[in-house]
Amino acid sequence: GLKSELPMGICYAVWVGIGATGSA
């Protein structure tokens, strides 16, 4: 995702958010 030039901060936030919500 980062190599496709998505914005780094938002990309990371989405990735972590899915992981955190899914883990909960």
mmCIF file of all heavy atoms, coordinates in Angstrom:
data_MODEL
# 
_entry.id   MODEL 
# 
loop_
_atom_site.group_PDB 
_atom_site.id 
_atom_site.type_symbol 
_atom_site.label_atom_id 
_atom_site.label_alt_id 
_atom_site.label_comp_id 
_atom_site.label_asym_id 
_atom_site.label_entity_id 
_atom_site.label_seq_id 
_atom_site.pdbx_PDB_ins_code 
_atom_site.Cartn_x 
_atom_site.Cartn_y 
_atom_site.Cartn_z 
_atom_site.occupancy 
_atom_site.B_iso_or_equiv 
_atom_site.pdbx_formal_charge 
_atom_site.auth_seq_id 
_atom_site.auth_comp_id 
_atom_site.auth_asym_id 
_atom_site.auth_atom_id 
_atom_site.pdbx_PDB_model_num 
ATOM 1   N N   . GLY A 1 1  ? 0.811   -1.212 0.000  1.00 0.00 ? 1  GLY A N   1 
ATOM 2   C CA  . GLY A 1 1  ? 0.000   0.000  0.000  1.00 0.00 ? 1  GLY A CA  1 
ATOM 3   C C   . GLY A 1 1  ? 0.840   1.256  0.000  1.00 0.00 ? 1  GLY A C   1 
ATOM 4   O O   . GLY A 1 1  ? 0.553   2.220  -0.715 1.00 0.00 ? 1  GLY A O   1 
ATOM 5   N N   . LEU A 1 2  ? 1.921   1.252  0.769  1.00 0.00 ? 2  LEU A N   1 
ATOM 6   C CA  . LEU A 1 2  ? 2.790   2.433  0.833  1.00 0.00 ? 2  LEU A CA  1 
ATOM 7   C C   . LEU A 1 2  ? 3.529   2.656  -0.487 1.00 0.00 ? 2  LEU A C   1 
ATOM 8   O O   . LEU A 1 2  ? 3.742   3.787  -0.897 1.00 0.00 ? 2  LEU A O   1 
ATOM 9   C CB  . LEU A 1 2  ? 3.797   2.290  1.976  1.00 0.00 ? 2  LEU A CB  1 
ATOM 10  C CG  . LEU A 1 2  ? 3.205   2.373  3.384  1.00 0.00 ? 2  LEU A CG  1 
ATOM 11  C CD1 . LEU A 1 2  ? 4.257   2.021  4.420  1.00 0.00 ? 2  LEU A CD1 1 
ATOM 12  C CD2 . LEU A 1 2  ? 2.612   3.743  3.646  1.00 0.00 ? 2  LEU A CD2 1 
ATOM 13  N N   . LYS A 1 3  ? 3.891   1.589  -1.164 1.00 0.00 ? 3  LYS A N   1 
ATOM 14  C CA  . LYS A 1 3  ? 4.577   1.716  -2.454 1.00 0.00 ? 3  LYS A CA  1 
ATOM 15  C C   . LYS A 1 3  ? 3.661   2.261  -3.536 1.00 0.00 ? 3  LYS A C   1 
ATOM 16  O O   . LYS A 1 3  ? 4.130   2.804  -4.528 1.00 0.00 ? 3  LYS A O   1 
ATOM 17  C CB  . LYS A 1 3  ? 5.157   0.361  -2.878 1.00 0.00 ? 3  LYS A CB  1 
ATOM 18  C CG  . LYS A 1 3  ? 6.415   0.024  -2.111 1.00 0.00 ? 3  LYS A CG  1 
ATOM 19  C CD  . LYS A 1 3  ? 6.937   -1.378 -2.269 1.00 0.00 ? 3  LYS A CD  1 
ATOM 20  C CE  . LYS A 1 3  ? 7.005   -1.974 -3.593 1.00 0.00 ? 3  LYS A CE  1 
ATOM 21  N NZ  . LYS A 1 3  ? 7.633   -3.298 -3.646 1.00 0.00 ? 3  LYS A NZ  1 
ATOM 22  N N   . SER A 1 4  ? 2.358   2.157  -3.348 1.00 0.00 ? 4  SER A N   1 
ATOM 23  C CA  . SER A 1 4  ? 1.419   2.688  -4.333 1.00 0.00 ? 4  SER A CA  1 
ATOM 24  C C   . SER A 1 4  ? 1.132   4.162  -4.090 1.00 0.00 ? 4  SER A C   1 
ATOM 25  O O   . SER A 1 4  ? 0.206   4.708  -4.646 1.00 0.00 ? 4  SER A O   1 
ATOM 26  C CB  . SER A 1 4  ? 0.121   1.880  -4.311 1.00 0.00 ? 4  SER A CB  1 
ATOM 27  O OG  . SER A 1 4  ? -0.542  2.085  -3.095 1.00 0.00 ? 4  SER A OG  1 
ATOM 28  N N   . GLU A 1 5  ? 1.928   4.776  -3.255 1.00 0.00 ? 5  GLU A N   1 
ATOM 29  C CA  . GLU A 1 5  ? 1.868   6.207  -2.952 1.00 0.00 ? 5  GLU A CA  1 
ATOM 30  C C   . GLU A 1 5  ? 0.623   6.637  -2.187 1.00 0.00 ? 5  GLU A C   1 
ATOM 31  O O   . GLU A 1 5  ? 0.165   7.770  -2.308 1.00 0.00 ? 5  GLU A O   1 
ATOM 32  C CB  . GLU A 1 5  ? 2.072   7.050  -4.218 1.00 0.00 ? 5  GLU A CB  1 
ATOM 33  C CG  . GLU A 1 5  ? 3.444   6.858  -4.829 1.00 0.00 ? 5  GLU A CG  1 
ATOM 34  C CD  . GLU A 1 5  ? 3.764   7.865  -5.918 1.00 0.00 ? 5  GLU A CD  1 
ATOM 35  O OE1 . GLU A 1 5  ? 3.015   8.849  -6.078 1.00 0.00 ? 5  GLU A OE1 1 
ATOM 36  O OE2 . GLU A 1 5  ? 4.765   7.660  -6.593 1.00 0.00 ? 5  GLU A OE2 1 
ATOM 37  N N   . LEU A 1 6  ? 0.060   5.730  -1.396 1.00 0.00 ? 6  LEU A N   1 
ATOM 38  C CA  . LEU A 1 6  ? -0.977  6.150  -0.457 1.00 0.00 ? 6  LEU A CA  1 
ATOM 39  C C   . LEU A 1 6  ? -0.311  7.012  0.609  1.00 0.00 ? 6  LEU A C   1 
ATOM 40  O O   . LEU A 1 6  ? 0.869   6.818  0.921  1.00 0.00 ? 6  LEU A O   1 
ATOM 41  C CB  . LEU A 1 6  ? -1.628  4.931  0.202  1.00 0.00 ? 6  LEU A CB  1 
ATOM 42  C CG  . LEU A 1 6  ? -2.511  4.068  -0.685 1.00 0.00 ? 6  LEU A CG  1 
ATOM 43  C CD1 . LEU A 1 6  ? -2.920  2.797  0.047  1.00 0.00 ? 6  LEU A CD1 1 
ATOM 44  C CD2 . LEU A 1 6  ? -3.738  4.823  -1.143 1.00 0.00 ? 6  LEU A CD2 1 
ATOM 45  N N   . PRO A 1 7  ? -1.029  7.937  1.221  1.00 0.00 ? 7  PRO A N   1 
ATOM 46  C CA  . PRO A 1 7  ? -0.438  8.756  2.275  1.00 0.00 ? 7  PRO A CA  1 
ATOM 47  C C   . PRO A 1 7  ? -0.012  7.877  3.460  1.00 0.00 ? 7  PRO A C   1 
ATOM 48  O O   . PRO A 1 7  ? -0.805  7.071  3.958  1.00 0.00 ? 7  PRO A O   1 
ATOM 49  C CB  . PRO A 1 7  ? -1.564  9.711  2.684  1.00 0.00 ? 7  PRO A CB  1 
ATOM 50  C CG  . PRO A 1 7  ? -2.576  9.634  1.600  1.00 0.00 ? 7  PRO A CG  1 
ATOM 51  C CD  . PRO A 1 7  ? -2.401  8.320  0.926  1.00 0.00 ? 7  PRO A CD  1 
ATOM 52  N N   . MET A 1 8  ? 1.232   8.014  3.888  1.00 0.00 ? 8  MET A N   1 
ATOM 53  C CA  . MET A 1 8  ? 1.794   7.134  4.897  1.00 0.00 ? 8  MET A CA  1 
ATOM 54  C C   . MET A 1 8  ? 1.004   7.145  6.213  1.00 0.00 ? 8  MET A C   1 
ATOM 55  O O   . MET A 1 8  ? 0.681   6.085  6.751  1.00 0.00 ? 8  MET A O   1 
ATOM 56  C CB  . MET A 1 8  ? 3.248   7.507  5.185  1.00 0.00 ? 8  MET A CB  1 
ATOM 57  C CG  . MET A 1 8  ? 3.906   6.566  6.176  1.00 0.00 ? 8  MET A CG  1 
ATOM 58  S SD  . MET A 1 8  ? 5.618   6.956  6.508  1.00 0.00 ? 8  MET A SD  1 
ATOM 59  C CE  . MET A 1 8  ? 5.463   8.444  7.476  1.00 0.00 ? 8  MET A CE  1 
ATOM 60  N N   . GLY A 1 9  ? 0.703   8.309  6.735  1.00 0.00 ? 9  GLY A N   1 
ATOM 61  C CA  . GLY A 1 9  ? 0.020   8.391  8.024  1.00 0.00 ? 9  GLY A CA  1 
ATOM 62  C C   . GLY A 1 9  ? -1.352  7.749  8.009  1.00 0.00 ? 9  GLY A C   1 
ATOM 63  O O   . GLY A 1 9  ? -1.711  6.990  8.905  1.00 0.00 ? 9  GLY A O   1 
ATOM 64  N N   . ILE A 1 10 ? -2.113  8.040  6.990  1.00 0.00 ? 10 ILE A N   1 
ATOM 65  C CA  . ILE A 1 10 ? -3.463  7.479  6.884  1.00 0.00 ? 10 ILE A CA  1 
ATOM 66  C C   . ILE A 1 10 ? -3.394  5.982  6.617  1.00 0.00 ? 10 ILE A C   1 
ATOM 67  O O   . ILE A 1 10 ? -4.148  5.191  7.189  1.00 0.00 ? 10 ILE A O   1 
ATOM 68  C CB  . ILE A 1 10 ? -4.274  8.210  5.796  1.00 0.00 ? 10 ILE A CB  1 
ATOM 69  C CG1 . ILE A 1 10 ? -4.475  9.671  6.203  1.00 0.00 ? 10 ILE A CG1 1 
ATOM 70  C CG2 . ILE A 1 10 ? -5.610  7.532  5.564  1.00 0.00 ? 10 ILE A CG2 1 
ATOM 71  C CD1 . ILE A 1 10 ? -5.089  10.540 5.141  1.00 0.00 ? 10 ILE A CD1 1 
ATOM 72  N N   . CYS A 1 11 ? -2.466  5.589  5.767  1.00 0.00 ? 11 CYS A N   1 
ATOM 73  C CA  . CYS A 1 11 ? -2.292  4.169  5.435  1.00 0.00 ? 11 CYS A CA  1 
ATOM 74  C C   . CYS A 1 11 ? -1.975  3.371  6.711  1.00 0.00 ? 11 CYS A C   1 
ATOM 75  O O   . CYS A 1 11 ? -2.587  2.336  6.983  1.00 0.00 ? 11 CYS A O   1 
ATOM 76  C CB  . CYS A 1 11 ? -1.161  4.044  4.423  1.00 0.00 ? 11 CYS A CB  1 
ATOM 77  S SG  . CYS A 1 11 ? -0.965  2.440  3.695  1.00 0.00 ? 11 CYS A SG  1 
ATOM 78  N N   . TYR A 1 12 ? -1.035  3.874  7.489  1.00 0.00 ? 12 TYR A N   1 
ATOM 79  C CA  . TYR A 1 12 ? -0.652  3.193  8.724  1.00 0.00 ? 12 TYR A CA  1 
ATOM 80  C C   . TYR A 1 12 ? -1.813  3.188  9.718  1.00 0.00 ? 12 TYR A C   1 
ATOM 81  O O   . TYR A 1 12 ? -2.075  2.182  10.380 1.00 0.00 ? 12 TYR A O   1 
ATOM 82  C CB  . TYR A 1 12 ? 0.581   3.864  9.338  1.00 0.00 ? 12 TYR A CB  1 
ATOM 83  C CG  . TYR A 1 12 ? 1.056   3.200  10.590 1.00 0.00 ? 12 TYR A CG  1 
ATOM 84  C CD1 . TYR A 1 12 ? 1.714   1.970  10.531 1.00 0.00 ? 12 TYR A CD1 1 
ATOM 85  C CD2 . TYR A 1 12 ? 0.830   3.780  11.840 1.00 0.00 ? 12 TYR A CD2 1 
ATOM 86  C CE1 . TYR A 1 12 ? 2.149   1.339  11.685 1.00 0.00 ? 12 TYR A CE1 1 
ATOM 87  C CE2 . TYR A 1 12 ? 1.267   3.156  12.982 1.00 0.00 ? 12 TYR A CE2 1 
ATOM 88  C CZ  . TYR A 1 12 ? 1.927   1.943  12.911 1.00 0.00 ? 12 TYR A CZ  1 
ATOM 89  O OH  . TYR A 1 12 ? 2.348   1.318  14.058 1.00 0.00 ? 12 TYR A OH  1 
ATOM 90  N N   . ALA A 1 13 ? -2.536  4.297  9.818  1.00 0.00 ? 13 ALA A N   1 
ATOM 91  C CA  . ALA A 1 13 ? -3.667  4.381  10.744 1.00 0.00 ? 13 ALA A CA  1 
ATOM 92  C C   . ALA A 1 13 ? -4.753  3.370  10.379 1.00 0.00 ? 13 ALA A C   1 
ATOM 93  O O   . ALA A 1 13 ? -5.333  2.725  11.262 1.00 0.00 ? 13 ALA A O   1 
ATOM 94  C CB  . ALA A 1 13 ? -4.241  5.799  10.752 1.00 0.00 ? 13 ALA A CB  1 
ATOM 95  N N   . VAL A 1 14 ? -5.032  3.216  9.105  1.00 0.00 ? 14 VAL A N   1 
ATOM 96  C CA  . VAL A 1 14 ? -6.039  2.240  8.667  1.00 0.00 ? 14 VAL A CA  1 
ATOM 97  C C   . VAL A 1 14 ? -5.575  0.832  9.015  1.00 0.00 ? 14 VAL A C   1 
ATOM 98  O O   . VAL A 1 14 ? -6.332  0.026  9.560  1.00 0.00 ? 14 VAL A O   1 
ATOM 99  C CB  . VAL A 1 14 ? -6.318  2.382  7.151  1.00 0.00 ? 14 VAL A CB  1 
ATOM 100 C CG1 . VAL A 1 14 ? -7.126  1.218  6.622  1.00 0.00 ? 14 VAL A CG1 1 
ATOM 101 C CG2 . VAL A 1 14 ? -7.028  3.708  6.867  1.00 0.00 ? 14 VAL A CG2 1 
ATOM 102 N N   . TRP A 1 15 ? -4.317  0.518  8.718  1.00 0.00 ? 15 TRP A N   1 
ATOM 103 C CA  . TRP A 1 15 ? -3.745  -0.811 8.977  1.00 0.00 ? 15 TRP A CA  1 
ATOM 104 C C   . TRP A 1 15 ? -3.810  -1.141 10.471 1.00 0.00 ? 15 TRP A C   1 
ATOM 105 O O   . TRP A 1 15 ? -4.294  -2.199 10.864 1.00 0.00 ? 15 TRP A O   1 
ATOM 106 C CB  . TRP A 1 15 ? -2.311  -0.813 8.460  1.00 0.00 ? 15 TRP A CB  1 
ATOM 107 C CG  . TRP A 1 15 ? -1.532  -2.058 8.621  1.00 0.00 ? 15 TRP A CG  1 
ATOM 108 C CD1 . TRP A 1 15 ? -1.694  -3.232 7.954  1.00 0.00 ? 15 TRP A CD1 1 
ATOM 109 C CD2 . TRP A 1 15 ? -0.419  -2.252 9.494  1.00 0.00 ? 15 TRP A CD2 1 
ATOM 110 N NE1 . TRP A 1 15 ? -0.744  -4.139 8.345  1.00 0.00 ? 15 TRP A NE1 1 
ATOM 111 C CE2 . TRP A 1 15 ? 0.055   -3.567 9.293  1.00 0.00 ? 15 TRP A CE2 1 
ATOM 112 C CE3 . TRP A 1 15 ? 0.242   -1.438 10.417 1.00 0.00 ? 15 TRP A CE3 1 
ATOM 113 C CZ2 . TRP A 1 15 ? 1.141   -4.080 9.985  1.00 0.00 ? 15 TRP A CZ2 1 
ATOM 114 C CZ3 . TRP A 1 15 ? 1.318   -1.949 11.098 1.00 0.00 ? 15 TRP A CZ3 1 
ATOM 115 C CH2 . TRP A 1 15 ? 1.757   -3.261 10.885 1.00 0.00 ? 15 TRP A CH2 1 
ATOM 116 N N   . VAL A 1 16 ? -3.352  -0.219 11.293 1.00 0.00 ? 16 VAL A N   1 
ATOM 117 C CA  . VAL A 1 16 ? -3.366  -0.435 12.746 1.00 0.00 ? 16 VAL A CA  1 
ATOM 118 C C   . VAL A 1 16 ? -4.789  -0.459 13.278 1.00 0.00 ? 16 VAL A C   1 
ATOM 119 O O   . VAL A 1 16 ? -5.118  -1.269 14.150 1.00 0.00 ? 16 VAL A O   1 
ATOM 120 C CB  . VAL A 1 16 ? -2.539  0.654  13.472 1.00 0.00 ? 16 VAL A CB  1 
ATOM 121 C CG1 . VAL A 1 16 ? -2.755  0.622  14.967 1.00 0.00 ? 16 VAL A CG1 1 
ATOM 122 C CG2 . VAL A 1 16 ? -1.068  0.490  13.160 1.00 0.00 ? 16 VAL A CG2 1 
ATOM 123 N N   . GLY A 1 17 ? -5.637  0.415  12.763 1.00 0.00 ? 17 GLY A N   1 
ATOM 124 C CA  . GLY A 1 17 ? -7.018  0.463  13.230 1.00 0.00 ? 17 GLY A CA  1 
ATOM 125 C C   . GLY A 1 17 ? -7.775  -0.830 12.977 1.00 0.00 ? 17 GLY A C   1 
ATOM 126 O O   . GLY A 1 17 ? -8.495  -1.321 13.852 1.00 0.00 ? 17 GLY A O   1 
ATOM 127 N N   . ILE A 1 18 ? -7.583  -1.398 11.795 1.00 0.00 ? 18 ILE A N   1 
ATOM 128 C CA  . ILE A 1 18 ? -8.226  -2.683 11.492 1.00 0.00 ? 18 ILE A CA  1 
ATOM 129 C C   . ILE A 1 18 ? -7.671  -3.757 12.419 1.00 0.00 ? 18 ILE A C   1 
ATOM 130 O O   . ILE A 1 18 ? -8.422  -4.559 12.978 1.00 0.00 ? 18 ILE A O   1 
ATOM 131 C CB  . ILE A 1 18 ? -8.024  -3.075 10.018 1.00 0.00 ? 18 ILE A CB  1 
ATOM 132 C CG1 . ILE A 1 18 ? -8.806  -2.129 9.114  1.00 0.00 ? 18 ILE A CG1 1 
ATOM 133 C CG2 . ILE A 1 18 ? -8.444  -4.519 9.770  1.00 0.00 ? 18 ILE A CG2 1 
ATOM 134 C CD1 . ILE A 1 18 ? -8.475  -2.273 7.636  1.00 0.00 ? 18 ILE A CD1 1 
ATOM 135 N N   . GLY A 1 19 ? -6.351  -3.753 12.589 1.00 0.00 ? 19 GLY A N   1 
ATOM 136 C CA  . GLY A 1 19 ? -5.727  -4.748 13.469 1.00 0.00 ? 19 GLY A CA  1 
ATOM 137 C C   . GLY A 1 19 ? -6.180  -4.613 14.916 1.00 0.00 ? 19 GLY A C   1 
ATOM 138 O O   . GLY A 1 19 ? -6.499  -5.610 15.574 1.00 0.00 ? 19 GLY A O   1 
ATOM 139 N N   . ALA A 1 20 ? -6.240  -3.390 15.422 1.00 0.00 ? 20 ALA A N   1 
ATOM 140 C CA  . ALA A 1 20 ? -6.633  -3.173 16.809 1.00 0.00 ? 20 ALA A CA  1 
ATOM 141 C C   . ALA A 1 20 ? -8.104  -3.515 17.042 1.00 0.00 ? 20 ALA A C   1 
ATOM 142 O O   . ALA A 1 20 ? -8.457  -4.187 18.022 1.00 0.00 ? 20 ALA A O   1 
ATOM 143 C CB  . ALA A 1 20 ? -6.370  -1.718 17.206 1.00 0.00 ? 20 ALA A CB  1 
ATOM 144 N N   . THR A 1 21 ? -8.947  -3.058 16.137 1.00 0.00 ? 21 THR A N   1 
ATOM 145 C CA  . THR A 1 21 ? -10.376 -3.350 16.266 1.00 0.00 ? 21 THR A CA  1 
ATOM 146 C C   . THR A 1 21 ? -10.644 -4.837 16.112 1.00 0.00 ? 21 THR A C   1 
ATOM 147 O O   . THR A 1 21 ? -11.399 -5.437 16.886 1.00 0.00 ? 21 THR A O   1 
ATOM 148 C CB  . THR A 1 21 ? -11.176 -2.553 15.219 1.00 0.00 ? 21 THR A CB  1 
ATOM 149 O OG1 . THR A 1 21 ? -10.846 -1.171 15.337 1.00 0.00 ? 21 THR A OG1 1 
ATOM 150 C CG2 . THR A 1 21 ? -12.655 -2.739 15.400 1.00 0.00 ? 21 THR A CG2 1 
ATOM 151 N N   . GLY A 1 22 ? -10.009 -5.438 15.115 1.00 0.00 ? 22 GLY A N   1 
ATOM 152 C CA  . GLY A 1 22 ? -10.170 -6.878 14.912 1.00 0.00 ? 22 GLY A CA  1 
ATOM 153 C C   . GLY A 1 22 ? -9.654  -7.683 16.090 1.00 0.00 ? 22 GLY A C   1 
ATOM 154 O O   . GLY A 1 22 ? -10.279 -8.667 16.509 1.00 0.00 ? 22 GLY A O   1 
ATOM 155 N N   . SER A 1 23 ? -8.525  -7.273 16.648 1.00 0.00 ? 23 SER A N   1 
ATOM 156 C CA  . SER A 1 23 ? -7.966  -7.978 17.807 1.00 0.00 ? 23 SER A CA  1 
ATOM 157 C C   . SER A 1 23 ? -8.883  -7.869 19.024 1.00 0.00 ? 23 SER A C   1 
ATOM 158 O O   . SER A 1 23 ? -9.046  -8.833 19.772 1.00 0.00 ? 23 SER A O   1 
ATOM 159 C CB  . SER A 1 23 ? -6.579  -7.419 18.145 1.00 0.00 ? 23 SER A CB  1 
ATOM 160 O OG  . SER A 1 23 ? -5.681  -7.692 17.095 1.00 0.00 ? 23 SER A OG  1 
ATOM 161 N N   . ALA A 1 24 ? -9.482  -6.709 19.206 1.00 0.00 ? 24 ALA A N   1 
ATOM 162 C CA  . ALA A 1 24 ? -10.421 -6.549 20.319 1.00 0.00 ? 24 ALA A CA  1 
ATOM 163 C C   . ALA A 1 24 ? -11.640 -7.451 20.128 1.00 0.00 ? 24 ALA A C   1 
ATOM 164 O O   . ALA A 1 24 ? -12.107 -8.092 21.078 1.00 0.00 ? 24 ALA A O   1 
ATOM 165 C CB  . ALA A 1 24 ? -10.851 -5.085 20.440 1.00 0.00 ? 24 ALA A CB  1 
# 
